[in-house]
Amino acid sequence: MMEFDPTRPKWAQIADVLRERITTGEYAPRTLISEVRLEQEFGVARITVRKATAALREDGLIITTPGMGSFVTDASGGGESAD
């Protein structure tokens, strides 16, 4: 489990970790971001995970489809296109 910095909100710290995983390719495009797994991994409540995923949605790194879940977007590779 992660050791949190008491001077920053937990959701922001989780968002930073997830953002890094996405930009480094650890989470490839179309990877499911499971709230349940993140709750367990970080030892936090669902609302904390949802705040973190909301921040990633605002950054355009993930997309959430009702009834399906949140997925890493295809355009999340650090803003540079390989085309």
PDB file of N, CA and C in Angstrom:
ATOM      1  N   MET A   1       0.829  -1.181   0.000  1.00  0.00           N
ATOM      2  CA  MET A   1       0.000   0.000   0.000  1.00  0.00           C
ATOM      3  C   MET A   1       0.880   1.254   0.000  1.00  0.00           C
ATOM      4  N   MET A   2       0.373   2.288  -0.626  1.00  0.00           N
ATOM      5  CA  MET A   2       1.110   3.535  -0.779  1.00  0.00           C
ATOM      6  C   MET A   2       1.137   4.321   0.532  1.00  0.00           C
ATOM      7  N   GLU A   3       2.270   4.968   0.785  1.00  0.00           N
ATOM      8  CA  GLU A   3       2.356   5.864   1.933  1.00  0.00           C
ATOM      9  C   GLU A   3       2.020   7.269   1.431  1.00  0.00           C
ATOM     10  N   PHE A   4       0.942   7.836   1.972  1.00  0.00           N
ATOM     11  CA  PHE A   4       0.445   9.117   1.485  1.00  0.00           C
ATOM     12  C   PHE A   4       1.123  10.292   2.168  1.00  0.00           C
ATOM     13  N   ASP A   5       1.291  11.373   1.413  1.00  0.00           N
ATOM     14  CA  ASP A   5       1.787  12.641   1.930  1.00  0.00           C
ATOM     15  C   ASP A   5       0.612  13.328   2.632  1.00  0.00           C
ATOM     16  N   PRO A   6       0.727  13.585   3.941  1.00  0.00           N
ATOM     17  CA  PRO A   6      -0.403  14.160   4.678  1.00  0.00           C
ATOM     18  C   PRO A   6      -0.733  15.598   4.288  1.00  0.00           C
ATOM     19  N   THR A   7       0.113  16.236   3.482  1.00  0.00           N
ATOM     20  CA  THR A   7      -0.127  17.628   3.098  1.00  0.00           C
ATOM     21  C   THR A   7      -0.908  17.762   1.788  1.00  0.00           C
ATOM     22  N   ARG A   8      -1.208  16.620   1.141  1.00  0.00           N
ATOM     23  CA  ARG A   8      -1.945  16.641  -0.140  1.00  0.00           C
ATOM     24  C   ARG A   8      -3.108  15.670  -0.073  1.00  0.00           C
ATOM     25  N   PRO A   9      -4.210  15.993  -0.773  1.00  0.00           N
ATOM     26  CA  PRO A   9      -5.343  15.063  -0.792  1.00  0.00           C
ATOM     27  C   PRO A   9      -4.944  13.705  -1.368  1.00  0.00           C
ATOM     28  N   LYS A  10      -5.482  12.644  -0.774  1.00  0.00           N
ATOM     29  CA  LYS A  10      -5.161  11.296  -1.257  1.00  0.00           C
ATOM     30  C   LYS A  10      -5.551  11.127  -2.717  1.00  0.00           C
ATOM     31  N   TRP A  11      -6.723  11.664  -3.096  1.00  0.00           N
ATOM     32  CA  TRP A  11      -7.173  11.477  -4.485  1.00  0.00           C
ATOM     33  C   TRP A  11      -6.174  12.080  -5.473  1.00  0.00           C
ATOM     34  N   ALA A  12      -5.558  13.214  -5.121  1.00  0.00           N
ATOM     35  CA  ALA A  12      -4.592  13.860  -6.011  1.00  0.00           C
ATOM     36  C   ALA A  12      -3.333  13.011  -6.143  1.00  0.00           C
ATOM     37  N   GLN A  13      -2.923  12.392  -5.042  1.00  0.00           N
ATOM     38  CA  GLN A  13      -1.733  11.536  -5.077  1.00  0.00           C
ATOM     39  C   GLN A  13      -1.990  10.277  -5.898  1.00  0.00           C
ATOM     40  N   ILE A  14      -3.188   9.717  -5.773  1.00  0.00           N
ATOM     41  CA  ILE A  14      -3.561   8.544  -6.574  1.00  0.00           C
ATOM     42  C   ILE A  14      -3.627   8.929  -8.046  1.00  0.00           C
ATOM     43  N   ALA A  15      -4.203  10.082  -8.343  1.00  0.00           N
ATOM     44  CA  ALA A  15      -4.271  10.554  -9.732  1.00  0.00           C
ATOM     45  C   ALA A  15      -2.867  10.699 -10.317  1.00  0.00           C
ATOM     46  N   ASP A  16      -1.923  11.204  -9.519  1.00  0.00           N
ATOM     47  CA  ASP A  16      -0.534  11.331  -9.986  1.00  0.00           C
ATOM     48  C   ASP A  16       0.064   9.977 -10.343  1.00  0.00           C
ATOM     49  N   VAL A  17      -0.186   8.972  -9.491  1.00  0.00           N
ATOM     50  CA  VAL A  17       0.334   7.623  -9.750  1.00  0.00           C
ATOM     51  C   VAL A  17      -0.276   7.062 -11.033  1.00  0.00           C
ATOM     52  N   LEU A  18      -1.588   7.197 -11.172  1.00  0.00           N
ATOM     53  CA  LEU A  18      -2.269   6.679 -12.360  1.00  0.00           C
ATOM     54  C   LEU A  18      -1.824   7.421 -13.620  1.00  0.00           C
ATOM     55  N   ARG A  19      -1.661   8.730 -13.516  1.00  0.00           N
ATOM     56  CA  ARG A  19      -1.202   9.542 -14.647  1.00  0.00           C
ATOM     57  C   ARG A  19       0.165   9.052 -15.112  1.00  0.00           C
ATOM     58  N   GLU A  20       1.045   8.760 -14.161  1.00  0.00           N
ATOM     59  CA  GLU A  20       2.375   8.257 -14.512  1.00  0.00           C
ATOM     60  C   GLU A  20       2.279   6.890 -15.192  1.00  0.00           C
ATOM     61  N   ARG A  21       1.429   6.025 -14.662  1.00  0.00           N
ATOM     62  CA  ARG A  21       1.268   4.693 -15.265  1.00  0.00           C
ATOM     63  C   ARG A  21       0.746   4.789 -16.693  1.00  0.00           C
ATOM     64  N   ILE A  22      -0.127   5.745 -16.936  1.00  0.00           N
ATOM     65  CA  ILE A  22      -0.677   5.924 -18.281  1.00  0.00           C
ATOM     66  C   ILE A  22       0.379   6.491 -19.216  1.00  0.00           C
ATOM     67  N   THR A  23       1.067   7.551 -18.788  1.00  0.00           N
ATOM     68  CA  THR A  23       2.028   8.204 -19.683  1.00  0.00           C
ATOM     69  C   THR A  23       3.263   7.353 -19.956  1.00  0.00           C
ATOM     70  N   THR A  24       3.620   6.447 -19.030  1.00  0.00           N
ATOM     71  CA  THR A  24       4.770   5.570 -19.274  1.00  0.00           C
ATOM     72  C   THR A  24       4.399   4.320 -20.069  1.00  0.00           C
ATOM     73  N   GLY A  25       3.092   4.113 -20.275  1.00  0.00           N
ATOM     74  CA  GLY A  25       2.648   2.950 -21.034  1.00  0.00           C
ATOM     75  C   GLY A  25       2.374   1.727 -20.190  1.00  0.00           C
ATOM     76  N   GLU A  26       2.547   1.829 -18.874  1.00  0.00           N
ATOM     77  CA  GLU A  26       2.215   0.693 -18.000  1.00  0.00           C
ATOM     78  C   GLU A  26       0.727   0.341 -18.153  1.00  0.00           C
ATOM     79  N   TYR A  27      -0.096   1.381 -18.310  1.00  0.00           N
ATOM     80  CA  TYR A  27      -1.515   1.194 -18.645  1.00  0.00           C
ATOM     81  C   TYR A  27      -1.669   1.595 -20.106  1.00  0.00           C
ATOM     82  N   ALA A  28      -1.793   0.615 -20.975  1.00  0.00           N
ATOM     83  CA  ALA A  28      -1.907   0.849 -22.410  1.00  0.00           C
ATOM     84  C   ALA A  28      -3.285   1.415 -22.763  1.00  0.00           C
ATOM     85  N   PRO A  29      -3.410   2.016 -23.955  1.00  0.00           N
ATOM     86  CA  PRO A  29      -4.730   2.472 -24.396  1.00  0.00           C
ATOM     87  C   PRO A  29      -5.765   1.347 -24.307  1.00  0.00           C
ATOM     88  N   ARG A  30      -6.955   1.728 -23.907  1.00  0.00           N
ATOM     89  CA  ARG A  30      -8.117   0.841 -23.746  1.00  0.00           C
ATOM     90  C   ARG A  30      -8.023  -0.066 -22.516  1.00  0.00           C
ATOM     91  N   THR A  31      -7.033   0.152 -21.652  1.00  0.00           N
ATOM     92  CA  THR A  31      -6.946  -0.601 -20.398  1.00  0.00           C
ATOM     93  C   THR A  31      -8.075  -0.168 -19.478  1.00  0.00           C
ATOM     94  N   LEU A  32      -8.764  -1.130 -18.878  1.00  0.00           N
ATOM     95  CA  LEU A  32      -9.812  -0.834 -17.904  1.00  0.00           C
ATOM     96  C   LEU A  32      -9.186  -0.331 -16.612  1.00  0.00           C
ATOM     97  N   ILE A  33      -9.700   0.782 -16.104  1.00  0.00           N
ATOM     98  CA  ILE A  33      -9.282   1.322 -14.810  1.00  0.00           C
ATOM     99  C   ILE A  33     -10.345   0.885 -13.806  1.00  0.00           C
ATOM    100  N   SER A  34     -10.057  -0.147 -13.047  1.00  0.00           N
ATOM    101  CA  SER A  34     -11.019  -0.739 -12.121  1.00  0.00           C
ATOM    102  C   SER A  34     -11.027  -0.003 -10.783  1.00  0.00           C
ATOM    103  N   GLU A  35     -12.182   0.593 -10.451  1.00  0.00           N
ATOM    104  CA  GLU A  35     -12.306   1.292  -9.169  1.00  0.00           C
ATOM    105  C   GLU A  35     -12.113   0.323  -8.000  1.00  0.00           C
ATOM    106  N   VAL A  36     -12.631  -0.874  -8.127  1.00  0.00           N
ATOM    107  CA  VAL A  36     -12.523  -1.864  -7.053  1.00  0.00           C
ATOM    108  C   VAL A  36     -11.056  -2.209  -6.802  1.00  0.00           C
ATOM    109  N   ARG A  37     -10.301  -2.449  -7.866  1.00  0.00           N
ATOM    110  CA  ARG A  37      -8.885  -2.781  -7.713  1.00  0.00           C
ATOM    111  C   ARG A  37      -8.099  -1.615  -7.121  1.00  0.00           C
ATOM    112  N   LEU A  38      -8.432  -0.396  -7.554  1.00  0.00           N
ATOM    113  CA  LEU A  38      -7.732   0.769  -7.024  1.00  0.00           C
ATOM    114  C   LEU A  38      -8.050   0.986  -5.551  1.00  0.00           C
ATOM    115  N   GLU A  39      -9.299   0.760  -5.160  1.00  0.00           N
ATOM    116  CA  GLU A  39      -9.670   0.835  -3.736  1.00  0.00           C
ATOM    117  C   GLU A  39      -8.794  -0.095  -2.911  1.00  0.00           C
ATOM    118  N   GLN A  40      -8.663  -1.320  -3.403  1.00  0.00           N
ATOM    119  CA  GLN A  40      -7.882  -2.325  -2.684  1.00  0.00           C
ATOM    120  C   GLN A  40      -6.398  -1.990  -2.692  1.00  0.00           C
ATOM    121  N   GLU A  41      -5.885  -1.581  -3.846  1.00  0.00           N
ATOM    122  CA  GLU A  41      -4.455  -1.277  -3.961  1.00  0.00           C
ATOM    123  C   GLU A  41      -4.036  -0.131  -3.041  1.00  0.00           C
ATOM    124  N   PHE A  42      -4.848   0.935  -3.009  1.00  0.00           N
ATOM    125  CA  PHE A  42      -4.464   2.123  -2.252  1.00  0.00           C
ATOM    126  C   PHE A  42      -5.086   2.177  -0.860  1.00  0.00           C
ATOM    127  N   GLY A  43      -6.008   1.269  -0.555  1.00  0.00           N
ATOM    128  CA  GLY A  43      -6.628   1.233   0.764  1.00  0.00           C
ATOM    129  C   GLY A  43      -7.471   2.457   1.060  1.00  0.00           C
ATOM    130  N   VAL A  44      -8.220   2.907   0.054  1.00  0.00           N
ATOM    131  CA  VAL A  44      -9.051   4.105   0.208  1.00  0.00           C
ATOM    132  C   VAL A  44     -10.502   3.785  -0.148  1.00  0.00           C
ATOM    133  N   ALA A  45     -11.380   4.737   0.147  1.00  0.00           N
ATOM    134  CA  ALA A  45     -12.803   4.595  -0.159  1.00  0.00           C
ATOM    135  C   ALA A  45     -13.062   4.835  -1.646  1.00  0.00           C
ATOM    136  N   ARG A  46     -14.185   4.329  -2.119  1.00  0.00           N
ATOM    137  CA  ARG A  46     -14.554   4.477  -3.534  1.00  0.00           C
ATOM    138  C   ARG A  46     -14.621   5.947  -3.943  1.00  0.00           C
ATOM    139  N   ILE A  47     -15.132   6.813  -3.089  1.00  0.00           N
ATOM    140  CA  ILE A  47     -15.244   8.230  -3.440  1.00  0.00           C
ATOM    141  C   ILE A  47     -13.880   8.848  -3.712  1.00  0.00           C
ATOM    142  N   THR A  48     -12.854   8.395  -3.005  1.00  0.00           N
ATOM    143  CA  THR A  48     -11.491   8.888  -3.228  1.00  0.00           C
ATOM    144  C   THR A  48     -10.993   8.462  -4.608  1.00  0.00           C
ATOM    145  N   VAL A  49     -11.261   7.214  -4.961  1.00  0.00           N
ATOM    146  CA  VAL A  49     -10.885   6.713  -6.288  1.00  0.00           C
ATOM    147  C   VAL A  49     -11.640   7.482  -7.367  1.00  0.00           C
ATOM    148  N   ARG A  50     -12.909   7.759  -7.130  1.00  0.00           N
ATOM    149  CA  ARG A  50     -13.712   8.477  -8.128  1.00  0.00           C
ATOM    150  C   ARG A  50     -13.215   9.898  -8.334  1.00  0.00           C
ATOM    151  N   LYS A  51     -12.743  10.543  -7.285  1.00  0.00           N
ATOM    152  CA  LYS A  51     -12.166  11.884  -7.437  1.00  0.00           C
ATOM    153  C   LYS A  51     -10.898  11.808  -8.285  1.00  0.00           C
ATOM    154  N   ALA A  52     -10.093  10.778  -8.071  1.00  0.00           N
ATOM    155  CA  ALA A  52      -8.865  10.605  -8.852  1.00  0.00           C
ATOM    156  C   ALA A  52      -9.194  10.363 -10.326  1.00  0.00           C
ATOM    157  N   THR A  53     -10.169   9.502 -10.596  1.00  0.00           N
ATOM    158  CA  THR A  53     -10.516   9.223 -11.991  1.00  0.00           C
ATOM    159  C   THR A  53     -11.164  10.444 -12.646  1.00  0.00           C
ATOM    160  N   ALA A  54     -11.896  11.251 -11.878  1.00  0.00           N
ATOM    161  CA  ALA A  54     -12.474  12.479 -12.431  1.00  0.00           C
ATOM    162  C   ALA A  54     -11.368  13.422 -12.906  1.00  0.00           C
ATOM    163  N   ALA A  55     -10.286  13.504 -12.141  1.00  0.00           N
ATOM    164  CA  ALA A  55      -9.156  14.356 -12.527  1.00  0.00           C
ATOM    165  C   ALA A  55      -8.520  13.850 -13.821  1.00  0.00           C
ATOM    166  N   LEU A  56      -8.412  12.536 -13.963  1.00  0.00           N
ATOM    167  CA  LEU A  56      -7.836  11.958 -15.180  1.00  0.00           C
ATOM    168  C   LEU A  56      -8.751  12.180 -16.378  1.00  0.00           C
ATOM    169  N   ARG A  57     -10.069  12.133 -16.140  1.00  0.00           N
ATOM    170  CA  ARG A  57     -11.032  12.420 -17.207  1.00  0.00           C
ATOM    171  C   ARG A  57     -10.875  13.862 -17.680  1.00  0.00           C
ATOM    172  N   GLU A  58     -10.726  14.793 -16.731  1.00  0.00           N
ATOM    173  CA  GLU A  58     -10.544  16.203 -17.076  1.00  0.00           C
ATOM    174  C   GLU A  58      -9.279  16.411 -17.898  1.00  0.00           C
ATOM    175  N   ASP A  59      -8.249  15.618 -17.626  1.00  0.00           N
ATOM    176  CA  ASP A  59      -6.985  15.696 -18.372  1.00  0.00           C
ATOM    177  C   ASP A  59      -7.061  14.998 -19.728  1.00  0.00           C
ATOM    178  N   GLY A  60      -8.163  14.280 -19.991  1.00  0.00           N
ATOM    179  CA  GLY A  60      -8.309  13.562 -21.252  1.00  0.00           C
ATOM    180  C   GLY A  60      -7.542  12.255 -21.302  1.00  0.00           C
ATOM    181  N   LEU A  61      -7.116  11.749 -20.130  1.00  0.00           N
ATOM    182  CA  LEU A  61      -6.340  10.509 -20.099  1.00  0.00           C
ATOM    183  C   LEU A  61      -7.215   9.269 -20.062  1.00  0.00           C
ATOM    184  N   ILE A  62      -8.428   9.406 -19.523  1.00  0.00           N
ATOM    185  CA  ILE A  62      -9.356   8.271 -19.501  1.00  0.00           C
ATOM    186  C   ILE A  62     -10.719   8.752 -19.969  1.00  0.00           C
ATOM    187  N   ILE A  63     -11.527   7.799 -20.360  1.00  0.00           N
ATOM    188  CA  ILE A  63     -12.915   8.058 -20.729  1.00  0.00           C
ATOM    189  C   ILE A  63     -13.773   7.066 -19.959  1.00  0.00           C
ATOM    190  N   THR A  64     -14.919   7.531 -19.475  1.00  0.00           N
ATOM    191  CA  THR A  64     -15.814   6.670 -18.715  1.00  0.00           C
ATOM    192  C   THR A  64     -17.094   6.472 -19.498  1.00  0.00           C
ATOM    193  N   THR A  65     -17.467   5.208 -19.686  1.00  0.00           N
ATOM    194  CA  THR A  65     -18.695   4.849 -20.373  1.00  0.00           C
ATOM    195  C   THR A  65     -19.635   4.221 -19.354  1.00  0.00           C
ATOM    196  N   PRO A  66     -20.805   4.856 -19.124  1.00  0.00           N
ATOM    197  CA  PRO A  66     -21.741   4.300 -18.141  1.00  0.00           C
ATOM    198  C   PRO A  66     -22.065   2.832 -18.436  1.00  0.00           C
ATOM    199  N   GLY A  67     -22.015   2.025 -17.404  1.00  0.00           N
ATOM    200  CA  GLY A  67     -22.317   0.602 -17.539  1.00  0.00           C
ATOM    201  C   GLY A  67     -21.140  -0.239 -18.002  1.00  0.00           C
ATOM    202  N   MET A  68     -20.056   0.421 -18.413  1.00  0.00           N
ATOM    203  CA  MET A  68     -18.886  -0.326 -18.895  1.00  0.00           C
ATOM    204  C   MET A  68     -17.654  -0.077 -18.050  1.00  0.00           C
ATOM    205  N   GLY A  69     -17.426   1.176 -17.647  1.00  0.00           N
ATOM    206  CA  GLY A  69     -16.269   1.494 -16.832  1.00  0.00           C
ATOM    207  C   GLY A  69     -15.416   2.593 -17.428  1.00  0.00           C
ATOM    208  N   SER A  70     -14.246   2.787 -16.828  1.00  0.00           N
ATOM    209  CA  SER A  70     -13.291   3.808 -17.273  1.00  0.00           C
ATOM    210  C   SER A  70     -12.127   3.133 -17.978  1.00  0.00           C
ATOM    211  N   PHE A  71     -11.729   3.723 -19.095  1.00  0.00           N
ATOM    212  CA  PHE A  71     -10.671   3.151 -19.919  1.00  0.00           C
ATOM    213  C   PHE A  71      -9.665   4.220 -20.295  1.00  0.00           C
ATOM    214  N   VAL A  72      -8.402   3.815 -20.427  1.00  0.00           N
ATOM    215  CA  VAL A  72      -7.352   4.720 -20.896  1.00  0.00           C
ATOM    216  C   VAL A  72      -7.677   5.087 -22.341  1.00  0.00           C
ATOM    217  N   THR A  73      -7.569   6.384 -22.653  1.00  0.00           N
ATOM    218  CA  THR A  73      -7.856   6.831 -24.014  1.00  0.00           C
ATOM    219  C   THR A  73      -6.711   6.476 -24.957  1.00  0.00           C
ATOM    220  N   ASP A  74      -7.016   6.481 -26.245  1.00  0.00           N
ATOM    221  CA  ASP A  74      -5.991   6.215 -27.255  1.00  0.00           C
ATOM    222  C   ASP A  74      -5.021   7.383 -27.374  1.00  0.00           C
ATOM    223  N   ALA A  75      -5.455   8.579 -26.979  1.00  0.00           N
ATOM    224  CA  ALA A  75      -4.654   9.795 -27.167  1.00  0.00           C
ATOM    225  C   ALA A  75      -3.911  10.183 -25.898  1.00  0.00           C
ATOM    226  N   SER A  76      -3.603   9.217 -25.019  1.00  0.00           N
ATOM    227  CA  SER A  76      -3.015   9.548 -23.728  1.00  0.00           C
ATOM    228  C   SER A  76      -1.491   9.417 -23.679  1.00  0.00           C
ATOM    229  N   GLY A  77      -0.854   9.268 -24.806  1.00  0.00           N
ATOM    230  CA  GLY A  77       0.585   9.039 -24.828  1.00  0.00           C
ATOM    231  C   GLY A  77       1.437  10.273 -24.673  1.00  0.00           C
ATOM    232  N   GLY A  78       1.065  11.164 -23.766  1.00  0.00           N
ATOM    233  CA  GLY A  78       1.894  12.323 -23.502  1.00  0.00           C
ATOM    234  C   GLY A  78       1.700  13.458 -24.481  1.00  0.00           C
ATOM    235  N   GLY A  79       0.651  13.381 -25.309  1.00  0.00           N
ATOM    236  CA  GLY A  79       0.337  14.469 -26.195  1.00  0.00           C
ATOM    237  C   GLY A  79       1.068  14.446 -27.524  1.00  0.00           C
ATOM    238  N   GLU A  80       1.974  13.520 -27.726  1.00  0.00           N
ATOM    239  CA  GLU A  80       2.699  13.444 -28.980  1.00  0.00           C
ATOM    240  C   GLU A  80       2.153  12.296 -29.811  1.00  0.00           C
ATOM    241  N   SER A  81       1.960  12.562 -31.082  1.00  0.00           N
ATOM    242  CA  SER A  81       1.410  11.560 -31.973  1.00  0.00           C
ATOM    243  C   SER A  81       2.523  10.780 -32.659  1.00  0.00           C
ATOM    244  N   ALA A  82       2.308   9.483 -32.814  1.00  0.00           N
ATOM    245  CA  ALA A  82       3.301   8.624 -33.474  1.00  0.00           C
ATOM    246  C   ALA A  82       2.965   8.445 -34.945  1.00  0.00           C
ATOM    247  N   ASP A  83       1.967   9.176 -35.420  1.00  0.00           N
ATOM    248  CA  ASP A  83       1.531   9.018 -36.822  1.00  0.00           C
ATOM    249  C   ASP A  83       2.532   9.546 -37.798  1.00  0.00           C
TER     250      ASP A  83
END
